[in-house]
Amino acid sequence: MSERAVCKCGAVIWWARTIPGGRPMPVTVPAEGQSGSLAVRRDGSGSLVCRQLKAGGELEPGEHTGRAHWADCPHAGDFRG
């Protein structure tokens, strides 16, 4: 699976693996004024990974804020089983 993709809503998404768990999650860069609840970075192998930011949590060096794409996607319900 390629890390960068385009959702059917037209948004550019990045696939990251969750820490812990290793499950794939579609991530977007938060729009200006939006908050992001994910800390996203590259791991030692160069793969994109993300972790949940706790309330008041700080980003670690090398991390960027991300947002779970399904929080904004108008087609989110189409992907849930």
Foldseek 3Di string as FASTA:
>chain_A
DAQWDADPLGAIWGWAAEPPPGDTFTKDADDPPDFAQWWWAADPVRGIYIYGADVVRDHDPRTDGIHGVLVPDPCNVVPDD
